[in-house]
C-alpha atoms as a PDB file:
ATOM      1  CA  MET A   1       7.969 -26.432  -6.216  1.00  0.00           C
ATOM      2  CA  PRO A   2       6.070 -25.387  -3.037  1.00  0.00           C
ATOM      3  CA  ASP A   3       8.861 -22.977  -2.112  1.00  0.00           C
ATOM      4  CA  LYS A   4       8.505 -21.237  -5.313  1.00  0.00           C
ATOM      5  CA  VAL A   5       4.755 -20.785  -4.696  1.00  0.00           C
ATOM      6  CA  LEU A   6       5.457 -19.452  -1.324  1.00  0.00           C
ATOM      7  CA  GLU A   7       8.001 -16.991  -2.791  1.00  0.00           C
ATOM      8  CA  LYS A   8       5.564 -15.597  -5.080  1.00  0.00           C
ATOM      9  CA  ALA A   9       2.181 -15.897  -3.440  1.00  0.00           C
ATOM     10  CA  TYR A  10       3.059 -14.635   0.058  1.00  0.00           C
ATOM     11  CA  PRO A  11       4.413 -11.198  -1.105  1.00  0.00           C
ATOM     12  CA  ALA A  12       1.539 -10.835  -3.635  1.00  0.00           C
ATOM     13  CA  ILE A  13      -1.136 -11.568  -1.036  1.00  0.00           C
ATOM     14  CA  ILE A  14       0.561  -9.212   1.546  1.00  0.00           C
ATOM     15  CA  GLY A  15       0.980  -6.484  -1.063  1.00  0.00           C
ATOM     16  CA  ALA A  16      -2.504  -6.671  -2.238  1.00  0.00           C
ATOM     17  CA  LEU A  17      -4.058  -6.597   1.415  1.00  0.00           C
ATOM     18  CA  THR A  18      -1.495  -3.674   2.339  1.00  0.00           C
ATOM     19  CA  THR A  19      -2.385  -1.528  -0.601  1.00  0.00           C
ATOM     20  CA  PHE A  20      -6.138  -2.021   0.186  1.00  0.00           C
ATOM     21  CA  LEU A  21      -5.673  -1.249   3.799  1.00  0.00           C
ATOM     22  CA  ALA A  22      -3.246   1.774   3.011  1.00  0.00           C
ATOM     23  CA  GLN A  23      -5.959   3.376   0.540  1.00  0.00           C
ATOM     24  CA  PHE A  24      -8.728   2.978   3.096  1.00  0.00           C
ATOM     25  CA  LEU A  25      -6.564   4.520   5.915  1.00  0.00           C
ATOM     26  CA  VAL A  26      -5.256   7.368   3.720  1.00  0.00           C
ATOM     27  CA  ARG A  27      -8.836   8.250   2.547  1.00  0.00           C
ATOM     28  CA  LYS A  28     -10.033   8.289   6.275  1.00  0.00           C
ATOM     29  CA  MET A  29      -7.082  10.383   7.370  1.00  0.00           C
ATOM     30  CA  TYR A  30      -7.909  12.858   4.554  1.00  0.00           C
ATOM     31  CA  GLU A  31     -11.417  13.020   5.555  1.00  0.00           C
ATOM     32  CA  VAL A  32     -10.445  13.712   9.193  1.00  0.00           C
ATOM     33  CA  ALA A  33      -7.886  16.363   8.344  1.00  0.00           C
ATOM     34  CA  THR A  34     -10.057  18.345   5.615  1.00  0.00           C
ATOM     35  CA  GLY A  35     -13.744  17.344   6.795  1.00  0.00           C
ATOM     36  CA  HIS A  36     -14.663  16.147   3.275  1.00  0.00           C
ATOM     37  CA  GLN A  37     -14.084  13.289   0.882  1.00  0.00           C
ATOM     38  CA  PRO A  38     -10.906  13.053  -1.111  1.00  0.00           C
ATOM     39  CA  PRO A  39     -11.360  14.682  -4.516  1.00  0.00           C
ATOM     40  CA  ASP A  40     -11.392  13.090  -7.929  1.00  0.00           C
ATOM     41  CA  PRO A  41      -8.080  14.475  -9.387  1.00  0.00           C
ATOM     42  CA  HIS A  42      -9.431  14.114 -12.866  1.00  0.00           C
ATOM     43  CA  ASP A  43     -12.481  16.294 -12.130  1.00  0.00           C
ATOM     44  CA  PRO A  44     -11.751  19.785 -13.785  1.00  0.00           C
ATOM     45  CA  ASP A  45     -14.055  21.537 -11.177  1.00  0.00           C
ATOM     46  CA  VAL A  46     -11.623  20.389  -8.337  1.00  0.00           C
ATOM     47  CA  PRO A  47      -9.050  23.034  -7.652  1.00  0.00           C
ATOM     48  CA  THR A  48      -5.467  22.098  -8.687  1.00  0.00           C
ATOM     49  CA  ARG A  49      -4.029  22.546  -5.220  1.00  0.00           C
ATOM     50  CA  GLU A  50      -6.541  20.280  -3.656  1.00  0.00           C
ATOM     51  CA  ALA A  51      -6.145  17.622  -6.343  1.00  0.00           C
ATOM     52  CA  ILE A  52      -2.324  17.727  -5.931  1.00  0.00           C
ATOM     53  CA  THR A  53      -2.492  17.549  -2.176  1.00  0.00           C
ATOM     54  CA  TRP A  54      -4.687  14.487  -2.448  1.00  0.00           C
ATOM     55  CA  PHE A  55      -2.409  12.879  -5.061  1.00  0.00           C
ATOM     56  CA  VAL A  56       0.776  13.431  -3.034  1.00  0.00           C
ATOM     57  CA  ALA A  57      -0.852  12.269   0.231  1.00  0.00           C
ATOM     58  CA  SER A  58      -2.245   9.124  -1.286  1.00  0.00           C
ATOM     59  CA  SER A  59       1.004   8.369  -3.265  1.00  0.00           C
ATOM     60  CA  ILE A  60       3.086   8.681  -0.182  1.00  0.00           C
ATOM     61  CA  GLY A  61       0.852   6.747   2.096  1.00  0.00           C
ATOM     62  CA  VAL A  62       0.377   3.805  -0.340  1.00  0.00           C
ATOM     63  CA  GLY A  63       4.041   3.726  -1.402  1.00  0.00           C
ATOM     64  CA  VAL A  64       5.326   3.667   2.102  1.00  0.00           C
ATOM     65  CA  ALA A  65       2.877   0.905   3.008  1.00  0.00           C
ATOM     66  CA  GLN A  66       3.914  -1.086  -0.016  1.00  0.00           C
ATOM     67  CA  LEU A  67       7.724  -0.584   0.860  1.00  0.00           C
ATOM     68  CA  VAL A  68       7.161  -1.680   4.449  1.00  0.00           C
ATOM     69  CA  ALA A  69       5.063  -4.722   3.381  1.00  0.00           C
ATOM     70  CA  GLY A  70       7.458  -5.712   0.618  1.00  0.00           C
ATOM     71  CA  ARG A  71      10.519  -5.725   3.033  1.00  0.00           C
ATOM     72  CA  TYR A  72       8.413  -7.583   5.668  1.00  0.00           C
ATOM     73  CA  SER A  73       7.294 -10.229   3.160  1.00  0.00           C
ATOM     74  CA  ALA A  74      10.862 -10.630   1.803  1.00  0.00           C
ATOM     75  CA  ARG A  75      12.256 -11.151   5.305  1.00  0.00           C
ATOM     76  CA  LYS A  76       9.612 -13.756   6.089  1.00  0.00           C
ATOM     77  CA  VAL A  77       9.955 -15.716   2.928  1.00  0.00           C
ATOM     78  CA  SER A  78      13.745 -15.643   3.397  1.00  0.00           C
ATOM     79  CA  GLN A  79      13.271 -17.022   6.975  1.00  0.00           C
ATOM     80  CA  TRP A  80      10.971 -19.790   6.059  1.00  0.00           C
ATOM     81  CA  LEU A  81      13.276 -20.967   3.230  1.00  0.00           C
ATOM     82  CA  GLU A  82      16.213 -20.897   5.665  1.00  0.00           C
ATOM     83  CA  THR A  83      14.364 -22.933   8.216  1.00  0.00           C
ATOM     84  CA  ARG A  84      13.218 -25.508   5.499  1.00  0.00           C
ATOM     85  CA  GLN A  85      16.792 -25.977   4.253  1.00  0.00           C
ATOM     86  CA  SER A  86      18.281 -26.642   7.568  1.00  0.00           C
END
């Protein structure tokens, strides 16, 4: 039973923390690159090009972070389960 909890809880916790951190970093990087806050893509006053740029940047940043975190947590859980079974 504890192995099943570990298999599910560890990736979920790592994934949530990674997503939060990635969103924070992407926002900060956008501010540094453009000199202003990321736009609200749903605001009709925001130019389409700026909204798309923010959407693509945030999607790629968070997506890559989640991919890396998912692979890391899967590897760690696998290692833990192997050591427990030996």
